[in-house]
């Protein structure tokens, strides 16, 4: 769930990069990394059906979410 992580050392069943990528947001909207991360998570919020549909495919499994460490994402939203 980290749109900035380019080097994930494990396979992901669900990858936010299929929805949005931090570098694309930074370039398109001329934002810095923190602003772009906030944008990405607001975009995910507005497209919550995307992640819910993906999760539905794994309803009989335990899921681990790897989220970005920037505290701004959780304080501002």
PDB file of N, CA and C in Angstrom:
ATOM      1  N   UNK A   1       0.813  -1.194   0.000  1.00  0.00           N
ATOM      2  CA  UNK A   1       0.000   0.000   0.000  1.00  0.00           C
ATOM      3  C   UNK A   1       0.859   1.263   0.000  1.00  0.00           C
ATOM      4  N   UNK A   2       2.087   1.138  -0.428  1.00  0.00           N
ATOM      5  CA  UNK A   2       2.983   2.286  -0.455  1.00  0.00           C
ATOM      6  C   UNK A   2       3.260   2.681  -1.901  1.00  0.00           C
ATOM      7  N   UNK A   3       2.664   3.775  -2.357  1.00  0.00           N
ATOM      8  CA  UNK A   3       2.853   4.189  -3.749  1.00  0.00           C
ATOM      9  C   UNK A   3       4.252   4.718  -4.042  1.00  0.00           C
ATOM     10  N   UNK A   4       5.106   4.798  -3.010  1.00  0.00           N
ATOM     11  CA  UNK A   4       6.476   5.279  -3.206  1.00  0.00           C
ATOM     12  C   UNK A   4       7.503   4.151  -3.200  1.00  0.00           C
ATOM     13  N   UNK A   5       7.117   2.967  -2.761  1.00  0.00           N
ATOM     14  CA  UNK A   5       8.072   1.866  -2.622  1.00  0.00           C
ATOM     15  C   UNK A   5       8.297   1.182  -3.961  1.00  0.00           C
ATOM     16  N   UNK A   6       9.487   1.372  -4.498  1.00  0.00           N
ATOM     17  CA  UNK A   6       9.830   0.800  -5.807  1.00  0.00           C
ATOM     18  C   UNK A   6      10.467  -0.582  -5.692  1.00  0.00           C
ATOM     19  N   UNK A   7      10.975  -0.922  -4.524  1.00  0.00           N
ATOM     20  CA  UNK A   7      11.744  -2.158  -4.353  1.00  0.00           C
ATOM     21  C   UNK A   7      11.148  -3.022  -3.254  1.00  0.00           C
ATOM     22  N   UNK A   8      10.055  -3.655  -3.524  1.00  0.00           N
ATOM     23  CA  UNK A   8       9.419  -4.528  -2.544  1.00  0.00           C
ATOM     24  C   UNK A   8      10.085  -5.902  -2.644  1.00  0.00           C
ATOM     25  N   UNK A   9      10.649  -6.399  -1.544  1.00  0.00           N
ATOM     26  CA  UNK A   9      11.399  -7.649  -1.595  1.00  0.00           C
ATOM     27  C   UNK A   9      10.545  -8.910  -1.508  1.00  0.00           C
ATOM     28  N   UNK A  10       9.262  -8.781  -1.702  1.00  0.00           N
ATOM     29  CA  UNK A  10       8.346  -9.913  -1.639  1.00  0.00           C
ATOM     30  C   UNK A  10       7.231  -9.691  -2.657  1.00  0.00           C
ATOM     31  N   UNK A  11       6.530 -10.755  -2.993  1.00  0.00           N
ATOM     32  CA  UNK A  11       5.409 -10.642  -3.929  1.00  0.00           C
ATOM     33  C   UNK A  11       4.191 -10.072  -3.210  1.00  0.00           C
ATOM     34  N   UNK A  12       3.478  -9.208  -3.896  1.00  0.00           N
ATOM     35  CA  UNK A  12       2.262  -8.608  -3.339  1.00  0.00           C
ATOM     36  C   UNK A  12       1.040  -9.172  -4.054  1.00  0.00           C
ATOM     37  N   UNK A  13       0.051  -9.544  -3.275  1.00  0.00           N
ATOM     38  CA  UNK A  13      -1.209  -9.993  -3.859  1.00  0.00           C
ATOM     39  C   UNK A  13      -1.990  -8.794  -4.386  1.00  0.00           C
ATOM     40  N   UNK A  14      -1.871  -7.672  -3.692  1.00  0.00           N
ATOM     41  CA  UNK A  14      -2.532  -6.426  -4.081  1.00  0.00           C
ATOM     42  C   UNK A  14      -1.475  -5.333  -4.019  1.00  0.00           C
ATOM     43  N   UNK A  15      -1.329  -4.571  -5.084  1.00  0.00           N
ATOM     44  CA  UNK A  15      -0.305  -3.530  -5.138  1.00  0.00           C
ATOM     45  C   UNK A  15      -0.942  -2.214  -5.547  1.00  0.00           C
ATOM     46  N   UNK A  16      -0.785  -1.196  -4.722  1.00  0.00           N
ATOM     47  CA  UNK A  16      -1.365   0.117  -5.009  1.00  0.00           C
ATOM     48  C   UNK A  16      -0.810   0.700  -6.312  1.00  0.00           C
ATOM     49  N   UNK A  17       0.360   0.219  -6.744  1.00  0.00           N
ATOM     50  CA  UNK A  17       0.939   0.695  -8.006  1.00  0.00           C
ATOM     51  C   UNK A  17       0.041   0.366  -9.189  1.00  0.00           C
ATOM     52  N   UNK A  18      -0.866  -0.579  -9.023  1.00  0.00           N
ATOM     53  CA  UNK A  18      -1.827  -0.868 -10.084  1.00  0.00           C
ATOM     54  C   UNK A  18      -2.878   0.230 -10.191  1.00  0.00           C
ATOM     55  N   UNK A  19      -2.974   1.058  -9.145  1.00  0.00           N
ATOM     56  CA  UNK A  19      -3.940   2.156  -9.122  1.00  0.00           C
ATOM     57  C   UNK A  19      -3.266   3.505  -9.312  1.00  0.00           C
ATOM     58  N   UNK A  20      -2.178   3.739  -8.565  1.00  0.00           N
ATOM     59  CA  UNK A  20      -1.529   5.054  -8.585  1.00  0.00           C
ATOM     60  C   UNK A  20      -0.063   4.910  -8.171  1.00  0.00           C
ATOM     61  N   UNK A  21       0.790   5.755  -8.750  1.00  0.00           N
ATOM     62  CA  UNK A  21       2.238   5.711  -8.485  1.00  0.00           C
ATOM     63  C   UNK A  21       2.702   7.102  -8.051  1.00  0.00           C
ATOM     64  N   UNK A  22       3.454   7.151  -6.979  1.00  0.00           N
ATOM     65  CA  UNK A  22       3.902   8.423  -6.418  1.00  0.00           C
ATOM     66  C   UNK A  22       4.640   9.290  -7.434  1.00  0.00           C
ATOM     67  N   UNK A  23       5.596   8.735  -8.155  1.00  0.00           N
ATOM     68  CA  UNK A  23       6.376   9.531  -9.105  1.00  0.00           C
ATOM     69  C   UNK A  23       5.490  10.174 -10.172  1.00  0.00           C
ATOM     70  N   UNK A  24       4.464   9.468 -10.608  1.00  0.00           N
ATOM     71  CA  UNK A  24       3.541  10.031 -11.600  1.00  0.00           C
ATOM     72  C   UNK A  24       2.788  11.223 -11.023  1.00  0.00           C
ATOM     73  N   UNK A  25       2.363  11.114  -9.770  1.00  0.00           N
ATOM     74  CA  UNK A  25       1.640  12.208  -9.103  1.00  0.00           C
ATOM     75  C   UNK A  25       2.560  13.404  -8.913  1.00  0.00           C
ATOM     76  N   UNK A  26       3.800  13.157  -8.470  1.00  0.00           N
ATOM     77  CA  UNK A  26       4.747  14.254  -8.270  1.00  0.00           C
ATOM     78  C   UNK A  26       4.981  15.008  -9.567  1.00  0.00           C
ATOM     79  N   UNK A  27       5.144  14.273 -10.650  1.00  0.00           N
ATOM     80  CA  UNK A  27       5.403  14.902 -11.943  1.00  0.00           C
ATOM     81  C   UNK A  27       4.179  15.653 -12.470  1.00  0.00           C
ATOM     82  N   UNK A  28       3.026  15.009 -12.413  1.00  0.00           N
ATOM     83  CA  UNK A  28       1.822  15.619 -12.987  1.00  0.00           C
ATOM     84  C   UNK A  28       1.371  16.862 -12.232  1.00  0.00           C
ATOM     85  N   UNK A  29       1.437  16.823 -10.895  1.00  0.00           N
ATOM     86  CA  UNK A  29       0.906  17.923 -10.097  1.00  0.00           C
ATOM     87  C   UNK A  29       1.986  18.804  -9.480  1.00  0.00           C
ATOM     88  N   UNK A  30       3.259  18.508  -9.801  1.00  0.00           N
ATOM     89  CA  UNK A  30       4.390  19.294  -9.286  1.00  0.00           C
ATOM     90  C   UNK A  30       4.365  19.354  -7.758  1.00  0.00           C
ATOM     91  N   UNK A  31       4.195  18.173  -7.129  1.00  0.00           N
ATOM     92  CA  UNK A  31       4.158  18.069  -5.681  1.00  0.00           C
ATOM     93  C   UNK A  31       5.447  17.433  -5.174  1.00  0.00           C
ATOM     94  N   UNK A  32       5.782  17.725  -3.925  1.00  0.00           N
ATOM     95  CA  UNK A  32       6.880  17.031  -3.271  1.00  0.00           C
ATOM     96  C   UNK A  32       6.412  15.662  -2.814  1.00  0.00           C
ATOM     97  N   UNK A  33       7.320  14.887  -2.229  1.00  0.00           N
ATOM     98  CA  UNK A  33       6.962  13.520  -1.861  1.00  0.00           C
ATOM     99  C   UNK A  33       5.834  13.417  -0.827  1.00  0.00           C
ATOM    100  N   UNK A  34       5.851  14.250   0.200  1.00  0.00           N
ATOM    101  CA  UNK A  34       4.801  14.164   1.218  1.00  0.00           C
ATOM    102  C   UNK A  34       3.447  14.597   0.669  1.00  0.00           C
ATOM    103  N   UNK A  35       3.421  15.678  -0.094  1.00  0.00           N
ATOM    104  CA  UNK A  35       2.168  16.119  -0.706  1.00  0.00           C
ATOM    105  C   UNK A  35       1.626  15.089  -1.686  1.00  0.00           C
ATOM    106  N   UNK A  36       2.526  14.471  -2.423  1.00  0.00           N
ATOM    107  CA  UNK A  36       2.105  13.450  -3.382  1.00  0.00           C
ATOM    108  C   UNK A  36       1.571  12.208  -2.666  1.00  0.00           C
ATOM    109  N   UNK A  37       2.190  11.839  -1.540  1.00  0.00           N
ATOM    110  CA  UNK A  37       1.669  10.709  -0.761  1.00  0.00           C
ATOM    111  C   UNK A  37       0.273  11.007  -0.234  1.00  0.00           C
ATOM    112  N   UNK A  38       0.068  12.212   0.262  1.00  0.00           N
ATOM    113  CA  UNK A  38      -1.275  12.592   0.704  1.00  0.00           C
ATOM    114  C   UNK A  38      -2.268  12.506  -0.448  1.00  0.00           C
ATOM    115  N   UNK A  39      -1.870  12.997  -1.612  1.00  0.00           N
ATOM    116  CA  UNK A  39      -2.734  12.923  -2.786  1.00  0.00           C
ATOM    117  C   UNK A  39      -3.065  11.464  -3.118  1.00  0.00           C
ATOM    118  N   UNK A  40      -2.061  10.600  -3.099  1.00  0.00           N
ATOM    119  CA  UNK A  40      -2.270   9.188  -3.434  1.00  0.00           C
ATOM    120  C   UNK A  40      -3.281   8.538  -2.500  1.00  0.00           C
ATOM    121  N   UNK A  41      -3.182   8.841  -1.208  1.00  0.00           N
ATOM    122  CA  UNK A  41      -4.115   8.222  -0.274  1.00  0.00           C
ATOM    123  C   UNK A  41      -5.501   8.844  -0.348  1.00  0.00           C
ATOM    124  N   UNK A  42      -5.589  10.118  -0.694  1.00  0.00           N
ATOM    125  CA  UNK A  42      -6.904  10.713  -0.950  1.00  0.00           C
ATOM    126  C   UNK A  42      -7.515  10.101  -2.209  1.00  0.00           C
ATOM    127  N   UNK A  43      -6.685   9.831  -3.207  1.00  0.00           N
ATOM    128  CA  UNK A  43      -7.141   9.181  -4.434  1.00  0.00           C
ATOM    129  C   UNK A  43      -7.634   7.765  -4.131  1.00  0.00           C
ATOM    130  N   UNK A  44      -6.895   7.038  -3.296  1.00  0.00           N
ATOM    131  CA  UNK A  44      -7.324   5.701  -2.897  1.00  0.00           C
ATOM    132  C   UNK A  44      -8.654   5.776  -2.154  1.00  0.00           C
ATOM    133  N   UNK A  45      -8.803   6.764  -1.276  1.00  0.00           N
ATOM    134  CA  UNK A  45     -10.057   6.941  -0.547  1.00  0.00           C
ATOM    135  C   UNK A  45     -11.224   7.165  -1.508  1.00  0.00           C
ATOM    136  N   UNK A  46     -11.006   7.974  -2.530  1.00  0.00           N
ATOM    137  CA  UNK A  46     -12.064   8.241  -3.509  1.00  0.00           C
ATOM    138  C   UNK A  46     -12.335   7.039  -4.415  1.00  0.00           C
ATOM    139  N   UNK A  47     -11.381   6.122  -4.478  1.00  0.00           N
ATOM    140  CA  UNK A  47     -11.518   4.911  -5.300  1.00  0.00           C
ATOM    141  C   UNK A  47     -11.495   3.667  -4.410  1.00  0.00           C
ATOM    142  N   UNK A  48     -12.121   3.766  -3.251  1.00  0.00           N
ATOM    143  CA  UNK A  48     -12.071   2.701  -2.260  1.00  0.00           C
ATOM    144  C   UNK A  48     -12.639   1.391  -2.801  1.00  0.00           C
ATOM    145  N   UNK A  49     -13.543   1.463  -3.743  1.00  0.00           N
ATOM    146  CA  UNK A  49     -14.097   0.248  -4.338  1.00  0.00           C
ATOM    147  C   UNK A  49     -12.998  -0.593  -4.981  1.00  0.00           C
ATOM    148  N   UNK A  50     -11.970   0.043  -5.511  1.00  0.00           N
ATOM    149  CA  UNK A  50     -10.862  -0.685  -6.126  1.00  0.00           C
ATOM    150  C   UNK A  50     -10.217  -1.636  -5.120  1.00  0.00           C
ATOM    151  N   UNK A  51      -9.872  -1.122  -3.935  1.00  0.00           N
ATOM    152  CA  UNK A  51      -9.212  -1.971  -2.940  1.00  0.00           C
ATOM    153  C   UNK A  51     -10.183  -2.979  -2.340  1.00  0.00           C
ATOM    154  N   UNK A  52     -11.426  -2.580  -2.137  1.00  0.00           N
ATOM    155  CA  UNK A  52     -12.408  -3.516  -1.587  1.00  0.00           C
ATOM    156  C   UNK A  52     -12.656  -4.685  -2.529  1.00  0.00           C
ATOM    157  N   UNK A  53     -12.699  -4.412  -3.821  1.00  0.00           N
ATOM    158  CA  UNK A  53     -12.850  -5.497  -4.799  1.00  0.00           C
ATOM    159  C   UNK A  53     -11.653  -6.439  -4.759  1.00  0.00           C
ATOM    160  N   UNK A  54     -10.463  -5.891  -4.609  1.00  0.00           N
ATOM    161  CA  UNK A  54      -9.255  -6.717  -4.534  1.00  0.00           C
ATOM    162  C   UNK A  54      -9.257  -7.575  -3.265  1.00  0.00           C
ATOM    163  N   UNK A  55      -9.641  -6.974  -2.155  1.00  0.00           N
ATOM    164  CA  UNK A  55      -9.670  -7.691  -0.877  1.00  0.00           C
ATOM    165  C   UNK A  55     -10.694  -8.818  -0.911  1.00  0.00           C
ATOM    166  N   UNK A  56     -11.794  -8.597  -1.583  1.00  0.00           N
ATOM    167  CA  UNK A  56     -12.853  -9.603  -1.680  1.00  0.00           C
ATOM    168  C   UNK A  56     -12.320 -10.928  -2.225  1.00  0.00           C
ATOM    169  N   UNK A  57     -11.339 -10.861  -3.095  1.00  0.00           N
ATOM    170  CA  UNK A  57     -10.745 -12.080  -3.658  1.00  0.00           C
ATOM    171  C   UNK A  57      -9.977 -12.893  -2.607  1.00  0.00           C
ATOM    172  N   UNK A  58      -9.698 -12.294  -1.462  1.00  0.00           N
ATOM    173  CA  UNK A  58      -8.906 -12.945  -0.420  1.00  0.00           C
ATOM    174  C   UNK A  58      -9.677 -13.068   0.888  1.00  0.00           C
ATOM    175  N   UNK A  59     -10.993 -13.223   0.807  1.00  0.00           N
ATOM    176  CA  UNK A  59     -11.809 -13.219   2.024  1.00  0.00           C
ATOM    177  C   UNK A  59     -11.535 -14.406   2.939  1.00  0.00           C
ATOM    178  N   UNK A  60     -10.942 -15.465   2.447  1.00  0.00           N
ATOM    179  CA  UNK A  60     -10.625 -16.630   3.279  1.00  0.00           C
ATOM    180  C   UNK A  60      -9.163 -16.641   3.737  1.00  0.00           C
ATOM    181  N   UNK A  61      -8.486 -15.514   3.625  1.00  0.00           N
ATOM    182  CA  UNK A  61      -7.071 -15.406   3.975  1.00  0.00           C
ATOM    183  C   UNK A  61      -6.861 -14.303   5.010  1.00  0.00           C
ATOM    184  N   UNK A  62      -5.738 -14.386   5.691  1.00  0.00           N
ATOM    185  CA  UNK A  62      -5.279 -13.269   6.507  1.00  0.00           C
ATOM    186  C   UNK A  62      -4.475 -12.358   5.591  1.00  0.00           C
ATOM    187  N   UNK A  63      -4.663 -11.052   5.735  1.00  0.00           N
ATOM    188  CA  UNK A  63      -3.927 -10.091   4.921  1.00  0.00           C
ATOM    189  C   UNK A  63      -3.028  -9.244   5.809  1.00  0.00           C
ATOM    190  N   UNK A  64      -1.854  -8.954   5.308  1.00  0.00           N
ATOM    191  CA  UNK A  64      -0.919  -8.044   5.974  1.00  0.00           C
ATOM    192  C   UNK A  64      -0.776  -6.828   5.070  1.00  0.00           C
ATOM    193  N   UNK A  65      -1.012  -5.655   5.637  1.00  0.00           N
ATOM    194  CA  UNK A  65      -0.886  -4.414   4.886  1.00  0.00           C
ATOM    195  C   UNK A  65       0.428  -3.740   5.251  1.00  0.00           C
ATOM    196  N   UNK A  66       1.250  -3.478   4.258  1.00  0.00           N
ATOM    197  CA  UNK A  66       2.503  -2.761   4.430  1.00  0.00           C
ATOM    198  C   UNK A  66       2.244  -1.318   3.999  1.00  0.00           C
ATOM    199  N   UNK A  67       2.212  -0.434   4.976  1.00  0.00           N
ATOM    200  CA  UNK A  67       1.849   0.960   4.721  1.00  0.00           C
ATOM    201  C   UNK A  67       3.072   1.869   4.847  1.00  0.00           C
ATOM    202  N   UNK A  68       3.034   3.040   4.203  1.00  0.00           N
ATOM    203  CA  UNK A  68       4.140   3.991   4.330  1.00  0.00           C
ATOM    204  C   UNK A  68       4.325   4.426   5.787  1.00  0.00           C
ATOM    205  N   UNK A  69       5.527   4.832   6.126  1.00  0.00           N
ATOM    206  CA  UNK A  69       5.829   5.222   7.495  1.00  0.00           C
ATOM    207  C   UNK A  69       5.633   6.701   7.796  1.00  0.00           C
ATOM    208  N   UNK A  70       5.307   7.506   6.799  1.00  0.00           N
ATOM    209  CA  UNK A  70       5.169   8.947   7.024  1.00  0.00           C
ATOM    210  C   UNK A  70       3.939   9.240   7.875  1.00  0.00           C
ATOM    211  N   UNK A  71       4.156   9.818   9.041  1.00  0.00           N
ATOM    212  CA  UNK A  71       3.081  10.088   9.987  1.00  0.00           C
ATOM    213  C   UNK A  71       2.063  11.078   9.435  1.00  0.00           C
ATOM    214  N   UNK A  72       2.485  11.936   8.494  1.00  0.00           N
ATOM    215  CA  UNK A  72       1.579  12.935   7.929  1.00  0.00           C
ATOM    216  C   UNK A  72       0.345  12.290   7.288  1.00  0.00           C
ATOM    217  N   UNK A  73       0.525  11.113   6.748  1.00  0.00           N
ATOM    218  CA  UNK A  73      -0.598  10.432   6.100  1.00  0.00           C
ATOM    219  C   UNK A  73      -1.711  10.113   7.079  1.00  0.00           C
ATOM    220  N   UNK A  74      -1.361   9.849   8.312  1.00  0.00           N
ATOM    221  CA  UNK A  74      -2.332   9.408   9.283  1.00  0.00           C
ATOM    222  C   UNK A  74      -2.830  10.563  10.162  1.00  0.00           C
ATOM    223  N   UNK A  75      -2.054  11.612  10.282  1.00  0.00           N
ATOM    224  CA  UNK A  75      -2.484  12.768  11.062  1.00  0.00           C
ATOM    225  C   UNK A  75      -3.427  13.657  10.274  1.00  0.00           C
ATOM    226  N   UNK A  76      -3.243  13.751   8.973  1.00  0.00           N
ATOM    227  CA  UNK A  76      -4.012  14.688   8.148  1.00  0.00           C
ATOM    228  C   UNK A  76      -5.255  14.074   7.533  1.00  0.00           C
ATOM    229  N   UNK A  77      -5.445  12.805   7.688  1.00  0.00           N
ATOM    230  CA  UNK A  77      -6.574  12.159   7.015  1.00  0.00           C
ATOM    231  C   UNK A  77      -7.521  11.571   8.023  1.00  0.00           C
TER     232      UNK A  77
END
